[in-house]
Amino acid sequence: MTAAGRRVLMGRIVGLYGVQGWLKIESWSEPRTRIFDYQPWQLSVAPGEVVEVAGIKGRPQGKGLICFLPGVDTREKAAALVGQDIYVARELLPPPGQDEYYWVDLEGLEVVTTEGVALGRVSHLFATGANDVVVVRDGERERLIPFIQGNYVRSVDLSAGRMVVDWDPEF
């Protein structure tokens, strides 16, 4: 899938604020208020049904963020959205810096060792606090490889769809 067809998880609707449809949200952008700069949002309102929402108003409130979605003007309508993940189209995000990557751009890359042994494809990544971890699956097994550039991750070539790692294929 090309970057143009991808979407990036940016936050989640976590609660209600007031009685006029305002929502509490959690943002994973940096700074967290930047989530309001990326519109339209994509919400999965039903299995297989994604709704795009533009014209979102938002602001910090206390220790969190709140927002108002056009057309969601009652507490009941807002309550139906609690728990929804907030996605945006990948192309709305700024280009990453040198040796920086959006996780969504790494997903699906072929992973090979420095000796050319195929390990599988990047399924997903997760953060541990110490470093990010790449989950590589080949159908039979799953490998967890620390995403530490220069040490375990030797190169990433997005245009070729390949990541080269210094990793023992038996591990």
Protein backbone atom coordinates (compact mmCIF):
# COMPACT_ATOMS: atom_id res chain seq x y z
CA MET A 1 0.00 0.00 0.00
CA THR A 2 1.35 3.43 -0.88
CA ALA A 3 1.68 6.23 1.65
CA ALA A 4 -1.23 7.95 -0.11
CA GLY A 5 -3.54 5.06 0.78
CA ARG A 6 -2.48 4.77 4.39
CA ARG A 7 -3.93 6.31 7.48
CA VAL A 8 -2.24 7.06 10.78
CA LEU A 9 -3.71 6.56 14.23
CA MET A 10 -3.47 9.98 15.93
CA GLY A 11 -5.71 9.68 18.97
CA ARG A 12 -8.91 8.43 20.53
CA ILE A 13 -12.22 9.83 21.72
CA VAL A 14 -12.21 9.06 25.43
CA GLY A 15 -15.20 10.80 26.97
CA LEU A 16 -17.89 13.46 27.02
CA TYR A 17 -17.58 17.11 27.96
CA GLY A 18 -20.77 18.99 28.76
CA VAL A 19 -24.18 18.54 27.21
CA GLN A 20 -23.74 20.16 23.78
CA GLY A 21 -21.79 17.39 22.05
CA TRP A 22 -18.23 18.26 23.05
CA LEU A 23 -15.86 15.31 23.40
CA LYS A 24 -12.74 14.60 25.43
CA ILE A 25 -9.92 13.23 23.32
CA GLU A 26 -6.50 11.72 23.79
CA SER A 27 -3.90 12.91 21.24
CA TRP A 28 -0.69 11.16 20.27
CA SER A 29 0.63 14.03 18.17
CA GLU A 30 3.50 16.20 19.35
CA PRO A 31 2.59 18.72 20.56
CA ARG A 32 -0.72 17.15 21.44
CA THR A 33 -2.80 20.10 20.13
CA ARG A 34 -1.39 19.51 16.64
CA ILE A 35 -4.06 16.85 16.14
CA PHE A 36 -6.47 19.69 15.31
CA ASP A 37 -4.21 20.77 12.40
CA TYR A 38 -4.69 17.43 10.62
CA GLN A 39 -8.14 17.30 9.09
CA PRO A 40 -10.32 15.59 8.06
CA TRP A 41 -10.36 12.96 10.76
CA GLN A 42 -11.40 9.44 9.85
CA LEU A 43 -13.61 7.61 12.34
CA SER A 44 -14.73 3.98 12.01
CA VAL A 45 -18.35 4.34 13.03
CA ALA A 46 -19.32 0.75 12.09
CA PRO A 47 -17.44 -2.31 10.83
CA GLY A 48 -16.18 -1.42 7.36
CA GLU A 49 -17.67 2.10 7.52
CA VAL A 50 -15.31 5.06 7.84
CA VAL A 51 -16.64 8.60 8.13
CA GLU A 52 -14.49 11.64 7.40
CA VAL A 53 -15.08 14.66 9.62
CA ALA A 54 -13.72 18.13 8.82
CA GLY A 55 -14.26 21.48 10.49
CA ILE A 56 -13.33 20.16 13.91
CA LYS A 57 -12.87 22.75 16.66
CA GLY A 58 -10.72 21.90 19.63
CA ARG A 59 -8.76 23.28 22.56
CA PRO A 60 -6.96 22.30 25.73
CA GLN A 61 -9.24 21.95 28.76
CA GLY A 62 -7.64 21.31 32.11
CA LYS A 63 -5.12 18.50 31.67
CA GLY A 64 -6.78 17.19 28.52
CA LEU A 65 -8.17 18.19 25.14
CA ILE A 66 -11.76 18.69 24.05
CA CYS A 67 -13.26 19.01 20.59
CA PHE A 68 -16.50 19.68 18.78
CA LEU A 69 -17.37 17.76 15.62
CA PRO A 70 -19.79 19.37 13.16
CA GLY A 71 -23.16 17.64 13.33
CA VAL A 72 -22.50 16.18 16.78
CA ASP A 73 -24.48 18.69 18.82
CA THR A 74 -26.02 16.61 21.59
CA ARG A 75 -24.62 14.54 24.40
CA GLU A 76 -26.36 11.47 22.97
CA LYS A 77 -24.71 11.82 19.55
CA ALA A 78 -21.36 12.42 21.22
CA ALA A 79 -21.76 9.36 23.48
CA ALA A 80 -22.02 7.14 20.40
CA LEU A 81 -18.47 8.19 19.42
CA VAL A 82 -16.70 7.50 22.72
CA GLY A 83 -14.02 4.87 22.18
CA GLN A 84 -13.53 5.68 18.50
CA ASP A 85 -9.96 5.88 17.22
CA ILE A 86 -9.00 9.05 15.35
CA TYR A 87 -7.11 8.49 12.10
CA VAL A 88 -5.80 10.92 9.52
CA ALA A 89 -4.55 10.34 5.99
CA ARG A 90 -0.78 9.77 5.93
CA GLU A 91 -0.25 12.49 3.31
CA LEU A 92 -1.50 15.15 5.75
CA LEU A 93 1.53 14.64 7.98
CA PRO A 94 4.80 16.53 7.45
CA PRO A 95 7.71 14.59 5.99
CA PRO A 96 9.82 12.88 8.65
CA GLY A 97 13.33 14.11 9.33
CA GLN A 98 16.52 12.34 8.33
CA ASP A 99 16.59 8.78 9.74
CA GLU A 100 13.06 9.25 11.14
CA TYR A 101 10.08 7.19 10.05
CA TYR A 102 6.37 7.02 10.61
CA TRP A 103 5.52 3.54 11.82
CA VAL A 104 2.85 3.23 9.17
CA ASP A 105 5.57 3.65 6.49
CA LEU A 106 7.56 0.74 7.94
CA GLU A 107 4.62 -1.67 8.12
CA GLY A 108 4.76 -4.21 5.31
CA LEU A 109 8.49 -3.80 4.58
CA GLU A 110 10.42 -6.96 3.78
CA VAL A 111 13.01 -7.65 6.51
CA VAL A 112 16.30 -9.34 5.67
CA THR A 113 19.48 -9.92 7.64
CA THR A 114 22.82 -8.38 6.70
CA GLU A 115 23.62 -11.81 5.16
CA GLY A 116 20.47 -11.66 2.99
CA VAL A 117 18.33 -14.15 4.93
CA ALA A 118 14.65 -13.24 4.65
CA LEU A 119 12.95 -12.95 8.06
CA GLY A 120 9.48 -11.90 6.94
CA ARG A 121 7.61 -8.59 6.85
CA VAL A 122 7.05 -5.86 9.39
CA SER A 123 3.65 -6.54 10.94
CA HIS A 124 3.63 -3.58 13.32
CA LEU A 125 5.71 -1.72 15.89
CA PHE A 126 5.26 -0.91 19.55
CA ALA A 127 6.97 1.28 22.10
CA THR A 128 8.58 -0.15 25.23
CA GLY A 129 9.85 3.02 26.84
CA ALA A 130 13.49 2.10 26.25
CA ASN A 131 13.10 1.76 22.46
CA ASP A 132 10.59 0.86 19.79
CA VAL A 133 10.26 -2.77 18.72
CA VAL A 134 9.62 -4.08 15.21
CA VAL A 135 7.36 -7.14 15.01
CA VAL A 136 8.42 -9.27 12.03
CA ARG A 137 6.23 -12.18 10.89
CA ASP A 138 6.92 -14.78 8.24
CA GLY A 139 3.84 -16.98 8.60
CA GLU A 140 5.58 -19.51 10.86
CA ARG A 141 7.13 -17.33 13.51
CA GLU A 142 7.21 -13.90 14.98
CA ARG A 143 10.40 -12.01 15.79
CA LEU A 144 10.70 -8.96 18.02
CA ILE A 145 13.61 -6.80 16.88
CA PRO A 146 14.61 -3.61 18.71
CA PHE A 147 14.32 -0.62 16.37
CA ILE A 148 17.76 0.76 17.18
CA GLN A 149 19.27 2.25 14.06
CA GLY A 150 22.94 1.48 13.46
CA ASN A 151 22.89 -1.39 15.95
CA TYR A 152 20.10 -3.78 14.95
CA VAL A 153 18.47 -1.84 12.11
CA ARG A 154 21.19 -1.27 9.55
CA SER A 155 19.15 0.33 6.78
CA VAL A 156 15.63 1.22 5.75
CA ASP A 157 14.82 1.68 2.08
CA LEU A 158 11.18 2.73 1.75
CA SER A 159 11.30 2.94 -2.05
CA ALA A 160 12.61 -0.65 -2.30
CA GLY A 161 10.30 -1.82 0.49
CA ARG A 162 13.15 -3.31 2.51
CA MET A 163 14.69 -3.15 5.98
CA VAL A 164 18.10 -4.71 6.64
CA VAL A 165 18.77 -5.88 10.19
CA ASP A 166 21.71 -7.35 12.07
CA TRP A 167 19.80 -10.23 13.62
CA ASP A 168 20.36 -13.96 14.07
CA PRO A 169 17.70 -15.72 11.97
CA GLU A 170 17.49 -18.49 14.59
CA PHE A 171 16.58 -16.03 17.34
